[in-house]
Amino acid sequence: MSTATQTATLAGGCFWCLEAVYDRMRGVEAVTSGYMGGQTDHPSYEAVCSGKTGHAEVVRIEFDPSEVSYRDLLEVFFAIHDPTQRDRQGNDVGTQYRSAIFWHDESQKAEAEALIAELSRDGVYPAPIVTEVTPATVFWPAEAYHRDYFERHPNQPYCLFVVAPKVARFKGKFSRLMKPD
């Protein structure tokens, strides 16, 4: 990774979806699925799924701001999940699937709040945006079997019906941000 690499941490439902999209984004050097925002050290997937740890499924994105902006990451984020659903994304229900932006510095916080205000003012969504904008806390990497899940299991039903449409939406709407083949 370059010395100018920055970090973004986003929660928008299942981390498999976010990872599959951001892995395809120009300027993104690494995407790691994991957990943030809870009170348990070293949480397991099973514990997080119970909803008792307080963690959200997140992706930690290492990106080169000379190639892709934080604003670009956020615009993709708001396009590939429903930020109006509290503690859920589709059939995935629970606080672990909440919409959240975990900011790493004041400029990220300001940019996230400004974009939410802009999307709200412009009436982009039919309901209020409920995305949390909160300071980043300890990031706990997910278990190894979650890494590159969509790449390894493209024909698994969840991947076919939930992840693949998000990847397609990204490719259709943000082709300018795609990594070259």
C-alpha atoms as a PDB file:
ATOM      1  CA  MET A   1       0.000   0.000   0.000  1.00  0.00           C
ATOM      2  CA  SER A   2       1.150   3.521  -0.698  1.00  0.00           C
ATOM      3  CA  THR A   3       2.216   5.853   2.087  1.00  0.00           C
ATOM      4  CA  ALA A   4      -0.738   8.112   1.264  1.00  0.00           C
ATOM      5  CA  THR A   5      -3.270   5.372   1.888  1.00  0.00           C
ATOM      6  CA  GLN A   6      -6.295   6.347   3.972  1.00  0.00           C
ATOM      7  CA  THR A   7      -8.871   4.205   5.749  1.00  0.00           C
ATOM      8  CA  ALA A   8     -12.648   4.234   5.519  1.00  0.00           C
ATOM      9  CA  THR A   9     -14.931   1.943   7.536  1.00  0.00           C
ATOM     10  CA  LEU A  10     -18.506   1.406   6.407  1.00  0.00           C
ATOM     11  CA  ALA A  11     -21.452  -0.732   7.526  1.00  0.00           C
ATOM     12  CA  GLY A  12     -24.275  -1.302   5.066  1.00  0.00           C
ATOM     13  CA  GLY A  13     -25.733  -4.697   5.840  1.00  0.00           C
ATOM     14  CA  CYS A  14     -23.843  -7.877   5.086  1.00  0.00           C
ATOM     15  CA  PHE A  15     -20.132  -7.274   4.638  1.00  0.00           C
ATOM     16  CA  TRP A  16     -19.971  -9.705   1.719  1.00  0.00           C
ATOM     17  CA  CYS A  17     -21.902  -7.194  -0.406  1.00  0.00           C
ATOM     18  CA  LEU A  18     -19.717  -4.231   0.440  1.00  0.00           C
ATOM     19  CA  GLU A  19     -16.496  -6.189   0.021  1.00  0.00           C
ATOM     20  CA  ALA A  20     -17.535  -7.452  -3.426  1.00  0.00           C
ATOM     21  CA  VAL A  21     -18.214  -3.905  -4.631  1.00  0.00           C
ATOM     22  CA  TYR A  22     -15.229  -2.105  -3.129  1.00  0.00           C
ATOM     23  CA  ASP A  23     -12.821  -4.818  -4.330  1.00  0.00           C
ATOM     24  CA  ARG A  24     -13.744  -3.681  -7.852  1.00  0.00           C
ATOM     25  CA  MET A  25     -13.218   0.031  -7.219  1.00  0.00           C
ATOM     26  CA  ARG A  26     -10.288   1.952  -8.647  1.00  0.00           C
ATOM     27  CA  GLY A  27      -7.974   3.336  -5.964  1.00  0.00           C
ATOM     28  CA  VAL A  28      -9.046   0.753  -3.385  1.00  0.00           C
ATOM     29  CA  GLU A  29      -5.968  -1.131  -2.283  1.00  0.00           C
ATOM     30  CA  ALA A  30      -7.505  -3.498   0.286  1.00  0.00           C
ATOM     31  CA  VAL A  31     -10.920  -4.394   1.669  1.00  0.00           C
ATOM     32  CA  THR A  32     -11.264  -6.368   4.888  1.00  0.00           C
ATOM     33  CA  SER A  33     -14.548  -7.602   6.311  1.00  0.00           C
ATOM     34  CA  GLY A  34     -14.930  -7.334  10.056  1.00  0.00           C
ATOM     35  CA  TYR A  35     -16.790  -5.951  13.024  1.00  0.00           C
ATOM     36  CA  MET A  36     -16.906  -2.536  14.693  1.00  0.00           C
ATOM     37  CA  GLY A  37     -19.007  -0.574  17.114  1.00  0.00           C
ATOM     38  CA  GLY A  38     -19.612  -3.159  19.806  1.00  0.00           C
ATOM     39  CA  GLN A  39     -18.557  -3.838  23.350  1.00  0.00           C
ATOM     40  CA  THR A  40     -17.064  -7.349  23.090  1.00  0.00           C
ATOM     41  CA  ASP A  41     -13.384  -7.989  22.412  1.00  0.00           C
ATOM     42  CA  HIS A  42     -12.546 -10.469  19.639  1.00  0.00           C
ATOM     43  CA  PRO A  43     -16.169 -11.084  18.614  1.00  0.00           C
ATOM     44  CA  SER A  44     -17.010 -14.127  16.523  1.00  0.00           C
ATOM     45  CA  TYR A  45     -19.402 -14.111  13.589  1.00  0.00           C
ATOM     46  CA  GLU A  46     -21.868 -16.184  15.611  1.00  0.00           C
ATOM     47  CA  ALA A  47     -21.721 -13.733  18.547  1.00  0.00           C
ATOM     48  CA  VAL A  48     -22.169 -10.720  16.254  1.00  0.00           C
ATOM     49  CA  CYS A  49     -25.114 -12.411  14.495  1.00  0.00           C
ATOM     50  CA  SER A  50     -26.789 -12.908  17.874  1.00  0.00           C
ATOM     51  CA  GLY A  51     -27.108  -9.119  18.093  1.00  0.00           C
ATOM     52  CA  LYS A  52     -25.779  -9.172  21.652  1.00  0.00           C
ATOM     53  CA  THR A  53     -22.278  -7.739  21.026  1.00  0.00           C
ATOM     54  CA  GLY A  54     -23.389  -4.404  19.576  1.00  0.00           C
ATOM     55  CA  HIS A  55     -21.074  -4.753  16.583  1.00  0.00           C
ATOM     56  CA  ALA A  56     -21.973  -3.991  12.993  1.00  0.00           C
ATOM     57  CA  GLU A  57     -20.679  -5.994  10.061  1.00  0.00           C
ATOM     58  CA  VAL A  58     -18.274  -3.570   8.379  1.00  0.00           C
ATOM     59  CA  VAL A  59     -15.658  -3.309   5.701  1.00  0.00           C
ATOM     60  CA  ARG A  60     -12.384  -1.548   6.321  1.00  0.00           C
ATOM     61  CA  ILE A  61     -11.298   0.033   3.051  1.00  0.00           C
ATOM     62  CA  GLU A  62      -7.706   1.094   2.454  1.00  0.00           C
ATOM     63  CA  PHE A  63      -7.716   3.565  -0.435  1.00  0.00           C
ATOM     64  CA  ASP A  64      -5.436   5.942  -2.294  1.00  0.00           C
ATOM     65  CA  PRO A  65      -7.052   9.404  -2.240  1.00  0.00           C
ATOM     66  CA  SER A  66      -5.017  10.424  -5.276  1.00  0.00           C
ATOM     67  CA  GLU A  67      -7.037   7.843  -7.253  1.00  0.00           C
ATOM     68  CA  VAL A  68     -10.437   7.842  -5.547  1.00  0.00           C
ATOM     69  CA  SER A  69     -11.965  10.286  -3.107  1.00  0.00           C
ATOM     70  CA  TYR A  70     -13.649   9.589   0.203  1.00  0.00           C
ATOM     71  CA  ARG A  71     -16.725  11.244  -1.316  1.00  0.00           C
ATOM     72  CA  ASP A  72     -16.650   8.645  -4.140  1.00  0.00           C
ATOM     73  CA  LEU A  73     -16.549   5.840  -1.553  1.00  0.00           C
ATOM     74  CA  LEU A  74     -19.557   7.362   0.201  1.00  0.00           C
ATOM     75  CA  GLU A  75     -21.532   7.905  -3.009  1.00  0.00           C
ATOM     76  CA  VAL A  76     -21.072   4.231  -3.875  1.00  0.00           C
ATOM     77  CA  PHE A  77     -22.025   3.282  -0.306  1.00  0.00           C
ATOM     78  CA  PHE A  78     -25.324   5.169  -0.510  1.00  0.00           C
ATOM     79  CA  ALA A  79     -26.083   3.697  -3.951  1.00  0.00           C
ATOM     80  CA  ILE A  80     -25.584   0.030  -3.040  1.00  0.00           C
ATOM     81  CA  HIS A  81     -27.609  -0.221   0.178  1.00  0.00           C
ATOM     82  CA  ASP A  82     -30.777   1.280   1.625  1.00  0.00           C
ATOM     83  CA  PRO A  83     -29.756   3.905   4.201  1.00  0.00           C
ATOM     84  CA  THR A  84     -33.388   4.364   5.269  1.00  0.00           C
ATOM     85  CA  GLN A  85     -33.715   0.925   6.865  1.00  0.00           C
ATOM     86  CA  ARG A  86     -32.924   0.937  10.569  1.00  0.00           C
ATOM     87  CA  ASP A  87     -31.059  -2.149  11.794  1.00  0.00           C
ATOM     88  CA  ARG A  88     -31.615  -4.146   8.638  1.00  0.00           C
ATOM     89  CA  GLN A  89     -30.926  -4.581   4.955  1.00  0.00           C
ATOM     90  CA  GLY A  90     -33.653  -6.522   3.204  1.00  0.00           C
ATOM     91  CA  ASN A  91     -34.096  -9.856   4.966  1.00  0.00           C
ATOM     92  CA  ASP A  92     -30.965  -9.353   7.091  1.00  0.00           C
ATOM     93  CA  VAL A  93     -32.387  -7.978  10.352  1.00  0.00           C
ATOM     94  CA  GLY A  94     -30.577  -6.846  13.500  1.00  0.00           C
ATOM     95  CA  THR A  95     -28.266  -4.104  14.729  1.00  0.00           C
ATOM     96  CA  GLN A  96     -25.342  -5.942  13.143  1.00  0.00           C
ATOM     97  CA  TYR A  97     -26.797  -4.965   9.727  1.00  0.00           C
ATOM     98  CA  ARG A  98     -27.235  -1.265  10.521  1.00  0.00           C
ATOM     99  CA  SER A  99     -26.166   1.476   8.161  1.00  0.00           C
ATOM    100  CA  ALA A 100     -23.171   3.309   9.621  1.00  0.00           C
ATOM    101  CA  ILE A 101     -20.182   5.375   8.643  1.00  0.00           C
ATOM    102  CA  PHE A 102     -17.361   5.013  11.140  1.00  0.00           C
ATOM    103  CA  TRP A 103     -15.217   8.109  10.616  1.00  0.00           C
ATOM    104  CA  HIS A 104     -11.457   8.168  11.206  1.00  0.00           C
ATOM    105  CA  ASP A 105     -10.958  11.937  11.326  1.00  0.00           C
ATOM    106  CA  GLU A 106     -12.978  15.138  11.471  1.00  0.00           C
ATOM    107  CA  SER A 107     -12.843  15.639   7.700  1.00  0.00           C
ATOM    108  CA  GLN A 108     -14.476  12.238   7.125  1.00  0.00           C
ATOM    109  CA  LYS A 109     -17.149  13.081   9.681  1.00  0.00           C
ATOM    110  CA  ALA A 110     -17.858  16.443   8.008  1.00  0.00           C
ATOM    111  CA  GLU A 111     -17.953  14.901   4.532  1.00  0.00           C
ATOM    112  CA  ALA A 112     -20.334  12.122   5.624  1.00  0.00           C
ATOM    113  CA  GLU A 113     -22.668  14.567   7.376  1.00  0.00           C
ATOM    114  CA  ALA A 114     -22.612  16.926   4.387  1.00  0.00           C
ATOM    115  CA  LEU A 115     -23.484  14.146   1.931  1.00  0.00           C
ATOM    116  CA  ILE A 116     -26.325  12.893   4.134  1.00  0.00           C
ATOM    117  CA  ALA A 117     -27.671  16.440   4.354  1.00  0.00           C
ATOM    118  CA  GLU A 118     -27.402  16.811   0.562  1.00  0.00           C
ATOM    119  CA  LEU A 119     -29.154  13.500  -0.144  1.00  0.00           C
ATOM    120  CA  SER A 120     -31.877  14.393   2.358  1.00  0.00           C
ATOM    121  CA  ARG A 121     -32.347  17.910   0.960  1.00  0.00           C
ATOM    122  CA  ASP A 122     -32.543  16.544  -2.592  1.00  0.00           C
ATOM    123  CA  GLY A 123     -35.134  13.922  -1.602  1.00  0.00           C
ATOM    124  CA  VAL A 124     -33.090  11.068  -3.049  1.00  0.00           C
ATOM    125  CA  TYR A 125     -34.805   8.542  -0.759  1.00  0.00           C
ATOM    126  CA  PRO A 126     -38.532   8.269   0.016  1.00  0.00           C
ATOM    127  CA  ALA A 127     -37.839   7.996   3.766  1.00  0.00           C
ATOM    128  CA  PRO A 128     -35.359   9.647   6.146  1.00  0.00           C
ATOM    129  CA  ILE A 129     -31.736   8.454   6.089  1.00  0.00           C
ATOM    130  CA  VAL A 130     -30.933   6.625   9.336  1.00  0.00           C
ATOM    131  CA  THR A 131     -27.229   6.020   8.683  1.00  0.00           C
ATOM    132  CA  GLU A 132     -25.201   6.505  11.861  1.00  0.00           C
ATOM    133  CA  VAL A 133     -22.126   8.728  11.625  1.00  0.00           C
ATOM    134  CA  THR A 134     -19.945   7.696  14.532  1.00  0.00           C
ATOM    135  CA  PRO A 135     -16.251   7.617  15.460  1.00  0.00           C
ATOM    136  CA  ALA A 136     -14.300   4.542  14.418  1.00  0.00           C
ATOM    137  CA  THR A 137     -13.492   2.192  17.265  1.00  0.00           C
ATOM    138  CA  VAL A 138     -11.525  -1.056  17.378  1.00  0.00           C
ATOM    139  CA  PHE A 139     -11.771  -3.015  14.124  1.00  0.00           C
ATOM    140  CA  TRP A 140     -11.977  -6.777  14.534  1.00  0.00           C
ATOM    141  CA  PRO A 141     -11.262  -8.715  11.302  1.00  0.00           C
ATOM    142  CA  ALA A 142     -13.839 -11.337  10.394  1.00  0.00           C
ATOM    143  CA  GLU A 143     -12.945 -14.986  10.235  1.00  0.00           C
ATOM    144  CA  ALA A 144     -10.944 -16.126   7.200  1.00  0.00           C
ATOM    145  CA  TYR A 145     -13.886 -17.921   5.587  1.00  0.00           C
ATOM    146  CA  HIS A 146     -15.586 -14.526   5.021  1.00  0.00           C
ATOM    147  CA  ARG A 147     -12.715 -13.146   2.926  1.00  0.00           C
ATOM    148  CA  ASP A 148     -13.486 -12.846  -0.770  1.00  0.00           C
ATOM    149  CA  TYR A 149     -16.733 -14.689  -0.108  1.00  0.00           C
ATOM    150  CA  PHE A 150     -18.471 -13.571  -3.303  1.00  0.00           C
ATOM    151  CA  GLU A 151     -15.437 -14.427  -5.426  1.00  0.00           C
ATOM    152  CA  ARG A 152     -15.254 -17.917  -3.941  1.00  0.00           C
ATOM    153  CA  HIS A 153     -19.026 -18.610  -3.855  1.00  0.00           C
ATOM    154  CA  PRO A 154     -20.628 -16.726  -6.774  1.00  0.00           C
ATOM    155  CA  ASN A 155     -23.337 -19.370  -7.234  1.00  0.00           C
ATOM    156  CA  GLN A 156     -24.366 -19.544  -3.575  1.00  0.00           C
ATOM    157  CA  PRO A 157     -28.016 -18.358  -3.427  1.00  0.00           C
ATOM    158  CA  TYR A 158     -27.320 -15.319  -1.198  1.00  0.00           C
ATOM    159  CA  CYS A 159     -24.543 -14.258  -3.555  1.00  0.00           C
ATOM    160  CA  LEU A 160     -26.748 -14.716  -6.630  1.00  0.00           C
ATOM    161  CA  PHE A 161     -29.770 -12.870  -5.276  1.00  0.00           C
ATOM    162  CA  VAL A 162     -28.263 -10.245  -2.942  1.00  0.00           C
ATOM    163  CA  VAL A 163     -24.571  -9.640  -3.649  1.00  0.00           C
ATOM    164  CA  ALA A 164     -24.544  -9.923  -7.459  1.00  0.00           C
ATOM    165  CA  PRO A 165     -27.251  -7.259  -7.982  1.00  0.00           C
ATOM    166  CA  LYS A 166     -25.259  -4.797  -5.845  1.00  0.00           C
ATOM    167  CA  VAL A 167     -22.128  -5.483  -7.878  1.00  0.00           C
ATOM    168  CA  ALA A 168     -24.145  -4.991 -11.078  1.00  0.00           C
ATOM    169  CA  ARG A 169     -25.591  -1.708  -9.750  1.00  0.00           C
ATOM    170  CA  PHE A 170     -22.068  -0.488  -9.006  1.00  0.00           C
ATOM    171  CA  LYS A 171     -20.824  -1.470 -12.471  1.00  0.00           C
ATOM    172  CA  GLY A 172     -23.782   0.248 -14.143  1.00  0.00           C
ATOM    173  CA  LYS A 173     -23.790   3.459 -12.154  1.00  0.00           C
ATOM    174  CA  PHE A 174     -20.086   3.904 -11.382  1.00  0.00           C
ATOM    175  CA  SER A 175     -18.248   2.506 -14.395  1.00  0.00           C
ATOM    176  CA  ARG A 176     -15.817   5.463 -14.178  1.00  0.00           C
ATOM    177  CA  LEU A 177     -14.679   4.122 -10.789  1.00  0.00           C
ATOM    178  CA  MET A 178     -14.110   0.514 -11.881  1.00  0.00           C
ATOM    179  CA  LYS A 179     -10.656  -1.012 -11.719  1.00  0.00           C
ATOM    180  CA  PRO A 180      -9.353  -1.858 -15.174  1.00  0.00           C
ATOM    181  CA  ASP A 181      -9.726  -5.539 -16.092  1.00  0.00           C
END
